[in-house]
Full PDB file with SEQRES, HELIX, SHEET, SSBOND, CRYST1, ORIGX, SCALE, CONECT and MASTER records, all heavy atoms in Angstrom:
SEQRES   1 A   43  ALA GLN VAL VAL GLU SER GLY GLY GLY LEU VAL GLN ALA          
SEQRES   2 A   43  GLY GLY SER LEU ARG LEU SER CYS THR ALA SER GLY MET          
SEQRES   3 A   43  PRO PHE ASN MET GLY TRP TYR ARG GLN VAL PRO GLY LYS          
SEQRES   4 A   43  GLU ARG GLU PHE                                              
SHEET    1 AA1 2 VAL A   3  SER A   6  0                                        
SHEET    2 AA1 2 SER A  20  ALA A  23 -1                                        
CRYST1    1.000    1.000    1.000  90.00  90.00  90.00 P 1           1          
ORIGX1      1.000000  0.000000  0.000000        0.00000                         
ORIGX2      0.000000  1.000000  0.000000        0.00000                         
ORIGX3      0.000000  0.000000  1.000000        0.00000                         
SCALE1      1.000000  0.000000  0.000000        0.00000                         
SCALE2      0.000000  1.000000  0.000000        0.00000                         
SCALE3      0.000000  0.000000  1.000000        0.00000                         
ATOM      1  N   ALA A   1      19.422  81.728 -12.806  1.00  0.00           N  
ATOM      2  CA  ALA A   1      20.072  80.701 -13.432  1.00  0.00           C  
ATOM      3  C   ALA A   1      21.593  80.741 -13.354  1.00  0.00           C  
ATOM      4  O   ALA A   1      22.185  81.883 -13.247  1.00  0.00           O  
ATOM      5  CB  ALA A   1      19.764  80.755 -14.959  1.00  0.00           C  
ATOM      6  N   GLN A   2      22.189  79.596 -13.245  1.00  0.00           N  
ATOM      7  CA  GLN A   2      23.609  79.474 -13.132  1.00  0.00           C  
ATOM      8  C   GLN A   2      24.147  79.234 -14.514  1.00  0.00           C  
ATOM      9  O   GLN A   2      23.719  78.325 -15.203  1.00  0.00           O  
ATOM     10  CB  GLN A   2      24.109  78.352 -12.184  1.00  0.00           C  
ATOM     11  CG  GLN A   2      23.788  78.732 -10.707  1.00  0.00           C  
ATOM     12  CD  GLN A   2      24.319  77.638  -9.781  1.00  0.00           C  
ATOM     13  OE1 GLN A   2      24.030  76.442 -10.030  1.00  0.00           O  
ATOM     14  NE2 GLN A   2      25.015  78.115  -8.773  1.00  0.00           N  
ATOM     15  N   VAL A   3      25.111  80.022 -14.958  1.00  0.00           N  
ATOM     16  CA  VAL A   3      25.662  79.929 -16.331  1.00  0.00           C  
ATOM     17  C   VAL A   3      27.106  79.518 -16.197  1.00  0.00           C  
ATOM     18  O   VAL A   3      27.843  80.158 -15.456  1.00  0.00           O  
ATOM     19  CB  VAL A   3      25.512  81.210 -17.097  1.00  0.00           C  
ATOM     20  CG1 VAL A   3      26.090  81.127 -18.456  1.00  0.00           C  
ATOM     21  CG2 VAL A   3      24.022  81.696 -17.072  1.00  0.00           C  
ATOM     22  N   VAL A   4      27.530  78.556 -16.959  1.00  0.00           N  
ATOM     23  CA  VAL A   4      28.938  78.011 -16.919  1.00  0.00           C  
ATOM     24  C   VAL A   4      29.415  77.922 -18.361  1.00  0.00           C  
ATOM     25  O   VAL A   4      28.813  77.300 -19.223  1.00  0.00           O  
ATOM     26  CB  VAL A   4      29.022  76.673 -16.253  1.00  0.00           C  
ATOM     27  CG1 VAL A   4      30.463  76.198 -16.184  1.00  0.00           C  
ATOM     28  CG2 VAL A   4      28.431  76.762 -14.802  1.00  0.00           C  
ATOM     29  N   GLU A   5      30.533  78.639 -18.625  1.00  0.00           N  
ATOM     30  CA  GLU A   5      31.155  78.559 -19.955  1.00  0.00           C  
ATOM     31  C   GLU A   5      32.621  78.058 -19.757  1.00  0.00           C  
ATOM     32  O   GLU A   5      33.258  78.167 -18.688  1.00  0.00           O  
ATOM     33  CB  GLU A   5      31.191  79.918 -20.712  1.00  0.00           C  
ATOM     34  CG  GLU A   5      31.995  80.966 -20.059  1.00  0.00           C  
ATOM     35  CD  GLU A   5      31.223  81.871 -19.022  1.00  0.00           C  
ATOM     36  OE1 GLU A   5      31.019  81.363 -17.853  1.00  0.00           O  
ATOM     37  OE2 GLU A   5      30.741  82.963 -19.439  1.00  0.00           O  
ATOM     38  N   SER A   6      33.138  77.481 -20.838  1.00  0.00           N  
ATOM     39  CA  SER A   6      34.480  76.879 -20.840  1.00  0.00           C  
ATOM     40  C   SER A   6      34.971  76.840 -22.238  1.00  0.00           C  
ATOM     41  O   SER A   6      34.228  77.037 -23.132  1.00  0.00           O  
ATOM     42  CB  SER A   6      34.535  75.560 -20.152  1.00  0.00           C  
ATOM     43  OG  SER A   6      33.745  74.611 -20.856  1.00  0.00           O  
ATOM     44  N   GLY A   7      36.277  76.484 -22.350  1.00  0.00           N  
ATOM     45  CA  GLY A   7      36.882  76.232 -23.650  1.00  0.00           C  
ATOM     46  C   GLY A   7      37.960  77.309 -24.025  1.00  0.00           C  
ATOM     47  O   GLY A   7      38.487  77.068 -25.132  1.00  0.00           O  
ATOM     48  N   GLY A   8      38.110  78.314 -23.297  1.00  0.00           N  
ATOM     49  CA  GLY A   8      39.068  79.254 -23.595  1.00  0.00           C  
ATOM     50  C   GLY A   8      40.486  78.789 -23.530  1.00  0.00           C  
ATOM     51  O   GLY A   8      40.738  77.667 -22.981  1.00  0.00           O  
ATOM     52  N   GLY A   9      41.439  79.550 -23.888  1.00  0.00           N  
ATOM     53  CA  GLY A   9      42.816  79.126 -23.894  1.00  0.00           C  
ATOM     54  C   GLY A   9      43.727  80.076 -24.698  1.00  0.00           C  
ATOM     55  O   GLY A   9      43.273  81.127 -25.203  1.00  0.00           O  
ATOM     56  N   LEU A  10      44.986  79.558 -24.915  1.00  0.00           N  
ATOM     57  CA  LEU A  10      45.908  80.323 -25.618  1.00  0.00           C  
ATOM     58  C   LEU A  10      46.090  79.643 -26.958  1.00  0.00           C  
ATOM     59  O   LEU A  10      46.402  78.441 -27.090  1.00  0.00           O  
ATOM     60  CB  LEU A  10      47.218  80.316 -24.939  1.00  0.00           C  
ATOM     61  CG  LEU A  10      48.451  80.982 -25.612  1.00  0.00           C  
ATOM     62  CD1 LEU A  10      48.214  82.418 -25.852  1.00  0.00           C  
ATOM     63  CD2 LEU A  10      49.689  80.738 -24.801  1.00  0.00           C  
ATOM     64  N   VAL A  11      45.953  80.418 -28.056  1.00  0.00           N  
ATOM     65  CA  VAL A  11      46.155  79.948 -29.446  1.00  0.00           C  
ATOM     66  C   VAL A  11      46.938  80.936 -30.232  1.00  0.00           C  
ATOM     67  O   VAL A  11      46.959  82.107 -29.962  1.00  0.00           O  
ATOM     68  CB  VAL A  11      44.810  79.660 -30.141  1.00  0.00           C  
ATOM     69  CG1 VAL A  11      44.048  78.564 -29.374  1.00  0.00           C  
ATOM     70  CG2 VAL A  11      43.935  80.891 -30.277  1.00  0.00           C  
ATOM     71  N   GLN A  12      47.581  80.460 -31.291  1.00  0.00           N  
ATOM     72  CA  GLN A  12      48.271  81.349 -32.184  1.00  0.00           C  
ATOM     73  C   GLN A  12      47.279  81.912 -33.209  1.00  0.00           C  
ATOM     74  O   GLN A  12      46.244  81.353 -33.518  1.00  0.00           O  
ATOM     75  CB  GLN A  12      49.378  80.620 -32.942  1.00  0.00           C  
ATOM     76  CG  GLN A  12      50.519  80.180 -32.066  1.00  0.00           C  
ATOM     77  CD  GLN A  12      51.673  79.528 -32.901  1.00  0.00           C  
ATOM     78  OE1 GLN A  12      51.429  78.802 -33.788  1.00  0.00           O  
ATOM     79  NE2 GLN A  12      52.832  79.924 -32.507  1.00  0.00           N  
ATOM     80  N   ALA A  13      47.654  83.076 -33.714  1.00  0.00           N  
ATOM     81  CA  ALA A  13      46.906  83.722 -34.760  1.00  0.00           C  
ATOM     82  C   ALA A  13      46.550  82.790 -35.934  1.00  0.00           C  
ATOM     83  O   ALA A  13      47.516  82.026 -36.304  1.00  0.00           O  
ATOM     84  CB  ALA A  13      47.544  84.967 -35.290  1.00  0.00           C  
ATOM     85  N   GLY A  14      45.349  82.728 -36.356  1.00  0.00           N  
ATOM     86  CA  GLY A  14      44.942  81.779 -37.340  1.00  0.00           C  
ATOM     87  C   GLY A  14      44.353  80.465 -36.806  1.00  0.00           C  
ATOM     88  O   GLY A  14      43.763  79.701 -37.630  1.00  0.00           O  
ATOM     89  N   GLY A  15      44.503  80.311 -35.560  1.00  0.00           N  
ATOM     90  CA  GLY A  15      44.022  79.127 -34.938  1.00  0.00           C  
ATOM     91  C   GLY A  15      42.577  79.164 -34.586  1.00  0.00           C  
ATOM     92  O   GLY A  15      41.817  80.133 -34.863  1.00  0.00           O  
ATOM     93  N   SER A  16      42.065  78.101 -33.860  1.00  0.00           N  
ATOM     94  CA  SER A  16      40.670  77.961 -33.534  1.00  0.00           C  
ATOM     95  C   SER A  16      40.487  77.590 -32.125  1.00  0.00           C  
ATOM     96  O   SER A  16      41.263  76.871 -31.574  1.00  0.00           O  
ATOM     97  CB  SER A  16      39.971  76.936 -34.493  1.00  0.00           C  
ATOM     98  OG  SER A  16      40.107  77.252 -35.843  1.00  0.00           O  
ATOM     99  N   LEU A  17      39.372  77.942 -31.625  1.00  0.00           N  
ATOM    100  CA  LEU A  17      38.880  77.415 -30.273  1.00  0.00           C  
ATOM    101  C   LEU A  17      37.373  77.170 -30.312  1.00  0.00           C  
ATOM    102  O   LEU A  17      36.676  77.865 -31.149  1.00  0.00           O  
ATOM    103  CB  LEU A  17      39.178  78.435 -29.260  1.00  0.00           C  
ATOM    104  CG  LEU A  17      40.641  78.557 -28.688  1.00  0.00           C  
ATOM    105  CD1 LEU A  17      40.732  79.806 -27.683  1.00  0.00           C  
ATOM    106  CD2 LEU A  17      41.070  77.293 -27.957  1.00  0.00           C  
ATOM    107  N   ARG A  18      36.882  76.424 -29.548  1.00  0.00           N  
ATOM    108  CA  ARG A  18      35.503  76.116 -29.365  1.00  0.00           C  
ATOM    109  C   ARG A  18      35.067  76.347 -27.966  1.00  0.00           C  
ATOM    110  O   ARG A  18      35.505  75.572 -27.051  1.00  0.00           O  
ATOM    111  CB  ARG A  18      35.123  74.693 -29.866  1.00  0.00           C  
ATOM    112  CG  ARG A  18      33.663  74.423 -30.052  1.00  0.00           C  
ATOM    113  CD  ARG A  18      33.427  72.987 -30.539  1.00  0.00           C  
ATOM    114  NE  ARG A  18      32.117  72.714 -30.785  1.00  0.00           N  
ATOM    115  CZ  ARG A  18      31.437  72.963 -31.998  1.00  0.00           C  
ATOM    116  NH1 ARG A  18      32.128  73.446 -33.004  1.00  0.00           N  
ATOM    117  NH2 ARG A  18      30.244  72.643 -32.158  1.00  0.00           N  
ATOM    118  N   LEU A  19      34.228  77.254 -27.713  1.00  0.00           N  
ATOM    119  CA  LEU A  19      33.683  77.604 -26.413  1.00  0.00           C  
ATOM    120  C   LEU A  19      32.343  76.899 -26.228  1.00  0.00           C  
ATOM    121  O   LEU A  19      31.559  76.676 -27.212  1.00  0.00           O  
ATOM    122  CB  LEU A  19      33.475  79.059 -26.153  1.00  0.00           C  
ATOM    123  CG  LEU A  19      34.703  79.988 -26.428  1.00  0.00           C  
ATOM    124  CD1 LEU A  19      34.362  81.462 -26.126  1.00  0.00           C  
ATOM    125  CD2 LEU A  19      35.953  79.558 -25.688  1.00  0.00           C  
ATOM    126  N   SER A  20      32.022  76.536 -25.035  1.00  0.00           N  
ATOM    127  CA  SER A  20      30.715  75.901 -24.712  1.00  0.00           C  
ATOM    128  C   SER A  20      30.118  76.572 -23.470  1.00  0.00           C  
ATOM    129  O   SER A  20      30.828  77.190 -22.665  1.00  0.00           O  
ATOM    130  CB  SER A  20      30.876  74.359 -24.426  1.00  0.00           C  
ATOM    131  OG  SER A  20      31.679  74.167 -23.292  1.00  0.00           O  
ATOM    132  N   CYS A  21      28.814  76.474 -23.399  1.00  0.00           N  
ATOM    133  CA  CYS A  21      28.089  77.076 -22.269  1.00  0.00           C  
ATOM    134  C   CYS A  21      26.836  76.369 -22.041  1.00  0.00           C  
ATOM    135  O   CYS A  21      26.106  75.922 -22.989  1.00  0.00           O  
ATOM    136  CB  CYS A  21      27.772  78.592 -22.617  1.00  0.00           C  
ATOM    137  SG  CYS A  21      26.898  79.465 -21.366  1.00  0.00           S  
ATOM    138  N   THR A  22      26.460  76.266 -20.810  1.00  0.00           N  
ATOM    139  CA  THR A  22      25.181  75.704 -20.407  1.00  0.00           C  
ATOM    140  C   THR A  22      24.637  76.554 -19.206  1.00  0.00           C  
ATOM    141  O   THR A  22      25.450  77.154 -18.557  1.00  0.00           O  
ATOM    142  CB  THR A  22      25.267  74.251 -20.047  1.00  0.00           C  
ATOM    143  OG1 THR A  22      23.950  73.730 -19.865  1.00  0.00           O  
ATOM    144  CG2 THR A  22      26.045  74.016 -18.779  1.00  0.00           C  
ATOM    145  N   ALA A  23      23.414  76.545 -19.017  1.00  0.00           N  
ATOM    146  CA  ALA A  23      22.811  77.213 -17.895  1.00  0.00           C  
ATOM    147  C   ALA A  23      21.715  76.410 -17.261  1.00  0.00           C  
ATOM    148  O   ALA A  23      20.940  75.659 -18.004  1.00  0.00           O  
ATOM    149  CB  ALA A  23      22.189  78.564 -18.399  1.00  0.00           C  
ATOM    150  N   SER A  24      21.624  76.490 -16.026  1.00  0.00           N  
ATOM    151  CA  SER A  24      20.556  75.834 -15.323  1.00  0.00           C  
ATOM    152  C   SER A  24      19.161  76.448 -15.773  1.00  0.00           C  
ATOM    153  O   SER A  24      19.041  77.581 -15.922  1.00  0.00           O  
ATOM    154  CB  SER A  24      20.690  75.982 -13.735  1.00  0.00           C  
ATOM    155  OG  SER A  24      20.627  77.311 -13.354  1.00  0.00           O  
ATOM    156  N   GLY A  25      18.247  75.544 -15.926  1.00  0.00           N  
ATOM    157  CA  GLY A  25      16.941  75.994 -16.312  1.00  0.00           C  
ATOM    158  C   GLY A  25      16.789  76.096 -17.865  1.00  0.00           C  
ATOM    159  O   GLY A  25      15.801  76.631 -18.353  1.00  0.00           O  
ATOM    160  N   MET A  26      17.673  75.580 -18.580  1.00  0.00           N  
ATOM    161  CA  MET A  26      17.647  75.586 -20.008  1.00  0.00           C  
ATOM    162  C   MET A  26      16.273  74.934 -20.485  1.00  0.00           C  
ATOM    163  O   MET A  26      15.771  74.047 -19.835  1.00  0.00           O  
ATOM    164  CB  MET A  26      18.728  74.741 -20.684  1.00  0.00           C  
ATOM    165  CG  MET A  26      20.119  75.429 -20.540  1.00  0.00           C  
ATOM    166  SD  MET A  26      20.264  76.909 -21.580  1.00  0.00           S  
ATOM    167  CE  MET A  26      20.407  76.134 -23.227  1.00  0.00           C  
ATOM    168  N   PRO A  27      15.766  75.448 -21.621  1.00  0.00           N  
ATOM    169  CA  PRO A  27      16.432  76.266 -22.584  1.00  0.00           C  
ATOM    170  C   PRO A  27      16.306  77.740 -22.369  1.00  0.00           C  
ATOM    171  O   PRO A  27      15.241  78.246 -21.808  1.00  0.00           O  
ATOM    172  CB  PRO A  27      15.706  75.836 -23.978  1.00  0.00           C  
ATOM    173  CG  PRO A  27      14.336  75.549 -23.469  1.00  0.00           C  
ATOM    174  CD  PRO A  27      14.526  74.913 -22.103  1.00  0.00           C  
ATOM    175  N   PHE A  28      17.253  78.525 -22.869  1.00  0.00           N  
ATOM    176  CA  PHE A  28      17.202  79.911 -22.934  1.00  0.00           C  
ATOM    177  C   PHE A  28      17.723  80.357 -24.255  1.00  0.00           C  
ATOM    178  O   PHE A  28      18.545  79.648 -24.935  1.00  0.00           O  
ATOM    179  CB  PHE A  28      18.205  80.600 -21.813  1.00  0.00           C  
ATOM    180  CG  PHE A  28      17.707  80.437 -20.432  1.00  0.00           C  
ATOM    181  CD1 PHE A  28      18.430  79.500 -19.569  1.00  0.00           C  
ATOM    182  CD2 PHE A  28      16.709  81.185 -19.879  1.00  0.00           C  
ATOM    183  CE1 PHE A  28      17.958  79.381 -18.301  1.00  0.00           C  
ATOM    184  CE2 PHE A  28      16.278  81.035 -18.634  1.00  0.00           C  
ATOM    185  CZ  PHE A  28      16.970  80.142 -17.830  1.00  0.00           C  
ATOM    186  N   ASN A  29      17.366  81.537 -24.708  1.00  0.00           N  
ATOM    187  CA  ASN A  29      18.131  82.132 -25.780  1.00  0.00           C  
ATOM    188  C   ASN A  29      19.470  82.493 -25.221  1.00  0.00           C  
ATOM    189  O   ASN A  29      19.654  82.981 -24.072  1.00  0.00           O  
ATOM    190  CB  ASN A  29      17.416  83.501 -26.236  1.00  0.00           C  
ATOM    191  CG  ASN A  29      16.086  83.218 -26.854  1.00  0.00           C  
ATOM    192  OD1 ASN A  29      15.797  82.073 -27.351  1.00  0.00           O  
ATOM    193  ND2 ASN A  29      15.219  84.179 -26.925  1.00  0.00           N  
ATOM    194  N   MET A  30      20.488  82.237 -26.017  1.00  0.00           N  
ATOM    195  CA  MET A  30      21.907  82.250 -25.541  1.00  0.00           C  
ATOM    196  C   MET A  30      22.704  83.213 -26.347  1.00  0.00           C  
ATOM    197  O   MET A  30      22.546  83.245 -27.647  1.00  0.00           O  
ATOM    198  CB  MET A  30      22.527  80.899 -25.528  1.00  0.00           C  
ATOM    199  CG  MET A  30      21.732  79.868 -24.681  1.00  0.00           C  
ATOM    200  SD  MET A  30      21.742  80.190 -22.927  1.00  0.00           S  
ATOM    201  CE  MET A  30      23.456  79.695 -22.492  1.00  0.00           C  
ATOM    202  N   GLY A  31      23.588  83.867 -25.718  1.00  0.00           N  
ATOM    203  CA  GLY A  31      24.522  84.817 -26.379  1.00  0.00           C  
ATOM    204  C   GLY A  31      25.916  84.774 -25.872  1.00  0.00           C  
ATOM    205  O   GLY A  31      26.181  84.228 -24.792  1.00  0.00           O  
ATOM    206  N   TRP A  32      26.870  85.304 -26.644  1.00  0.00           N  
ATOM    207  CA  TRP A  32      28.219  85.384 -26.204  1.00  0.00           C  
ATOM    208  C   TRP A  32      28.605  86.904 -26.282  1.00  0.00           C  
ATOM    209  O   TRP A  32      28.279  87.621 -27.268  1.00  0.00           O  
ATOM    210  CB  TRP A  32      29.158  84.652 -27.097  1.00  0.00           C  
ATOM    211  CG  TRP A  32      28.992  83.144 -26.921  1.00  0.00           C  
ATOM    212  CD1 TRP A  32      28.234  82.284 -27.609  1.00  0.00           C  
ATOM    213  CD2 TRP A  32      29.683  82.328 -25.940  1.00  0.00           C  
ATOM    214  NE1 TRP A  32      28.443  81.043 -27.157  1.00  0.00           N  
ATOM    215  CE2 TRP A  32      29.247  81.022 -26.086  1.00  0.00           C  
ATOM    216  CE3 TRP A  32      30.573  82.623 -24.935  1.00  0.00           C  
ATOM    217  CZ2 TRP A  32      29.739  79.943 -25.376  1.00  0.00           C  
ATOM    218  CZ3 TRP A  32      31.080  81.578 -24.183  1.00  0.00           C  
ATOM    219  CH2 TRP A  32      30.682  80.237 -24.357  1.00  0.00           C  
ATOM    220  N   TYR A  33      29.327  87.290 -25.292  1.00  0.00           N  
ATOM    221  CA  TYR A  33      29.922  88.676 -25.254  1.00  0.00           C  
ATOM    222  C   TYR A  33      31.382  88.559 -24.983  1.00  0.00           C  
ATOM    223  O   TYR A  33      31.870  87.456 -24.521  1.00  0.00           O  
ATOM    224  CB  TYR A  33      29.286  89.499 -24.155  1.00  0.00           C  
ATOM    225  CG  TYR A  33      27.878  89.994 -24.434  1.00  0.00           C  
ATOM    226  CD1 TYR A  33      26.766  89.115 -24.398  1.00  0.00           C  
ATOM    227  CD2 TYR A  33      27.636  91.359 -24.727  1.00  0.00           C  
ATOM    228  CE1 TYR A  33      25.554  89.562 -24.654  1.00  0.00           C  
ATOM    229  CE2 TYR A  33      26.377  91.766 -25.003  1.00  0.00           C  
ATOM    230  CZ  TYR A  33      25.305  90.902 -24.958  1.00  0.00           C  
ATOM    231  OH  TYR A  33      23.962  91.346 -25.215  1.00  0.00           O  
ATOM    232  N   ARG A  34      32.124  89.585 -25.211  1.00  0.00           N  
ATOM    233  CA  ARG A  34      33.548  89.579 -24.795  1.00  0.00           C  
ATOM    234  C   ARG A  34      33.937  90.972 -24.232  1.00  0.00           C  
ATOM    235  O   ARG A  34      33.345  91.950 -24.567  1.00  0.00           O  
ATOM    236  CB  ARG A  34      34.426  89.195 -25.979  1.00  0.00           C  
ATOM    237  CG  ARG A  34      34.492  90.188 -27.171  1.00  0.00           C  
ATOM    238  CD  ARG A  34      35.195  89.554 -28.335  1.00  0.00           C  
ATOM    239  NE  ARG A  34      35.252  90.437 -29.438  1.00  0.00           N  
ATOM    240  CZ  ARG A  34      35.789  90.084 -30.607  1.00  0.00           C  
ATOM    241  NH1 ARG A  34      36.300  88.891 -30.798  1.00  0.00           N  
ATOM    242  NH2 ARG A  34      35.781  90.988 -31.644  1.00  0.00           N  
ATOM    243  N   GLN A  35      34.953  90.963 -23.415  1.00  0.00           N  
ATOM    244  CA  GLN A  35      35.420  92.191 -22.848  1.00  0.00           C  
ATOM    245  C   GLN A  35      36.943  92.172 -22.691  1.00  0.00           C  
ATOM    246  O   GLN A  35      37.567  91.251 -22.290  1.00  0.00           O  
ATOM    247  CB  GLN A  35      34.767  92.413 -21.463  1.00  0.00           C  
ATOM    248  CG  GLN A  35      35.059  93.735 -20.812  1.00  0.00           C  
ATOM    249  CD  GLN A  35      34.251  93.888 -19.624  1.00  0.00           C  
ATOM    250  OE1 GLN A  35      33.939  92.981 -18.855  1.00  0.00           O  
ATOM    251  NE2 GLN A  35      33.956  95.133 -19.271  1.00  0.00           N  
ATOM    252  N   VAL A  36      37.479  93.372 -23.067  1.00  0.00           N  
ATOM    253  CA  VAL A  36      38.942  93.610 -22.958  1.00  0.00           C  
ATOM    254  C   VAL A  36      39.087  94.584 -21.790  1.00  0.00           C  
ATOM    255  O   VAL A  36      38.290  95.519 -21.657  1.00  0.00           O  
ATOM    256  CB  VAL A  36      39.560  94.212 -24.258  1.00  0.00           C  
ATOM    257  CG1 VAL A  36      41.022  94.597 -23.999  1.00  0.00           C  
ATOM    258  CG2 VAL A  36      39.372  93.221 -25.407  1.00  0.00           C  
ATOM    259  N   PRO A  37      40.137  94.412 -20.944  1.00  0.00           N  
ATOM    260  CA  PRO A  37      40.304  95.380 -19.854  1.00  0.00           C  
ATOM    261  C   PRO A  37      40.307  96.831 -20.347  1.00  0.00           C  
ATOM    262  O   PRO A  37      41.019  97.188 -21.279  1.00  0.00           O  
ATOM    263  CB  PRO A  37      41.659  94.974 -19.315  1.00  0.00           C  
ATOM    264  CG  PRO A  37      41.726  93.506 -19.562  1.00  0.00           C  
ATOM    265  CD  PRO A  37      41.066  93.339 -20.942  1.00  0.00           C  
ATOM    266  N   GLY A  38      39.554  97.700 -19.652  1.00  0.00           N  
ATOM    267  CA  GLY A  38      39.500  99.083 -19.947  1.00  0.00           C  
ATOM    268  C   GLY A  38      38.443  99.415 -21.029  1.00  0.00           C  
ATOM    269  O   GLY A  38      38.266 100.519 -21.301  1.00  0.00           O  
ATOM    270  N   LYS A  39      37.801  98.381 -21.603  1.00  0.00           N  
ATOM    271  CA  LYS A  39      36.768  98.641 -22.556  1.00  0.00           C  
ATOM    272  C   LYS A  39      35.429  97.948 -22.108  1.00  0.00           C  
ATOM    273  O   LYS A  39      35.494  97.084 -21.227  1.00  0.00           O  
ATOM    274  CB  LYS A  39      37.137  98.036 -23.932  1.00  0.00           C  
ATOM    275  CG  LYS A  39      38.384  98.663 -24.497  1.00  0.00           C  
ATOM    276  CD  LYS A  39      38.668  98.114 -25.923  1.00  0.00           C  
ATOM    277  CE  LYS A  39      39.861  98.708 -26.526  1.00  0.00           C  
ATOM    278  NZ  LYS A  39      40.196  98.250 -27.854  1.00  0.00           N  
ATOM    279  N   GLU A  40      34.348  98.428 -22.684  1.00  0.00           N  
ATOM    280  CA  GLU A  40      33.095  97.844 -22.323  1.00  0.00           C  
ATOM    281  C   GLU A  40      32.869  96.496 -22.984  1.00  0.00           C  
ATOM    282  O   GLU A  40      33.417  96.169 -24.011  1.00  0.00           O  
ATOM    283  CB  GLU A  40      31.952  98.868 -22.748  1.00  0.00           C  
ATOM    284  CG  GLU A  40      31.891 100.113 -21.898  1.00  0.00           C  
ATOM    285  CD  GLU A  40      30.575 100.895 -22.189  1.00  0.00           C  
ATOM    286  OE1 GLU A  40      29.855 100.606 -23.105  1.00  0.00           O  
ATOM    287  OE2 GLU A  40      30.337 101.788 -21.362  1.00  0.00           O  
ATOM    288  N   ARG A  41      32.034  95.729 -22.371  1.00  0.00           N  
ATOM    289  CA  ARG A  41      31.696  94.411 -22.927  1.00  0.00           C  
ATOM    290  C   ARG A  41      30.922  94.638 -24.198  1.00  0.00           C  
ATOM    291  O   ARG A  41      30.049  95.469 -24.265  1.00  0.00           O  
ATOM    292  CB  ARG A  41      30.869  93.723 -21.810  1.00  0.00           C  
ATOM    293  CG  ARG A  41      30.485  92.277 -22.250  1.00  0.00           C  
ATOM    294  CD  ARG A  41      29.929  91.546 -20.967  1.00  0.00           C  
ATOM    295  NE  ARG A  41      28.781  92.332 -20.426  1.00  0.00           N  
ATOM    296  CZ  ARG A  41      28.451  92.261 -19.121  1.00  0.00           C  
ATOM    297  NH1 ARG A  41      29.110  91.551 -18.335  1.00  0.00           N  
ATOM    298  NH2 ARG A  41      27.352  92.971 -18.726  1.00  0.00           N  
ATOM    299  N   GLU A  42      31.231  93.793 -25.179  1.00  0.00           N  
ATOM    300  CA  GLU A  42      30.636  93.921 -26.471  1.00  0.00           C  
ATOM    301  C   GLU A  42      29.983  92.589 -26.916  1.00  0.00           C  
ATOM    302  O   GLU A  42      30.461  91.524 -26.582  1.00  0.00           O  
ATOM    303  CB  GLU A  42      31.578  94.325 -27.457  1.00  0.00           C  
ATOM    304  CG  GLU A  42      32.706  93.362 -27.874  1.00  0.00           C  
ATOM    305  CD  GLU A  42      33.633  93.800 -29.012  1.00  0.00           C  
ATOM    306  OE1 GLU A  42      33.158  94.673 -29.749  1.00  0.00           O  
ATOM    307  OE2 GLU A  42      34.737  93.264 -29.068  1.00  0.00           O  
ATOM    308  N   PHE A  43      28.894  92.776 -27.648  1.00  0.00           N  
ATOM    309  CA  PHE A  43      28.193  91.552 -28.179  1.00  0.00           C  
ATOM    310  C   PHE A  43      28.972  90.863 -29.248  1.00  0.00           C  
ATOM    311  O   PHE A  43      29.613  91.504 -30.072  1.00  0.00           O  
ATOM    312  CB  PHE A  43      26.865  92.030 -28.774  1.00  0.00           C  
ATOM    313  CG  PHE A  43      26.071  90.952 -29.475  1.00  0.00           C  
ATOM    314  CD1 PHE A  43      25.410  89.961 -28.789  1.00  0.00           C  
ATOM    315  CD2 PHE A  43      26.083  91.024 -30.901  1.00  0.00           C  
ATOM    316  CE1 PHE A  43      24.737  88.985 -29.509  1.00  0.00           C  
ATOM    317  CE2 PHE A  43      25.378  90.012 -31.535  1.00  0.00           C  
ATOM    318  CZ  PHE A  43      24.749  88.986 -30.876  1.00  0.00           C  
TER     319      PHE A  43                                                      
MASTER        0    0    0    0    2    0    0    6  318    1    0    4          
END                                                                             
């Protein structure tokens, strides 16, 4: 499946963002992870 996410950007503390994601072959159970350089990806 091809997975495409978008919506990131630069915001000030206290602000908001809305990320979106879709994948070919939907539906799937879907999750979000994040990763900081030098650290492992986290749920």
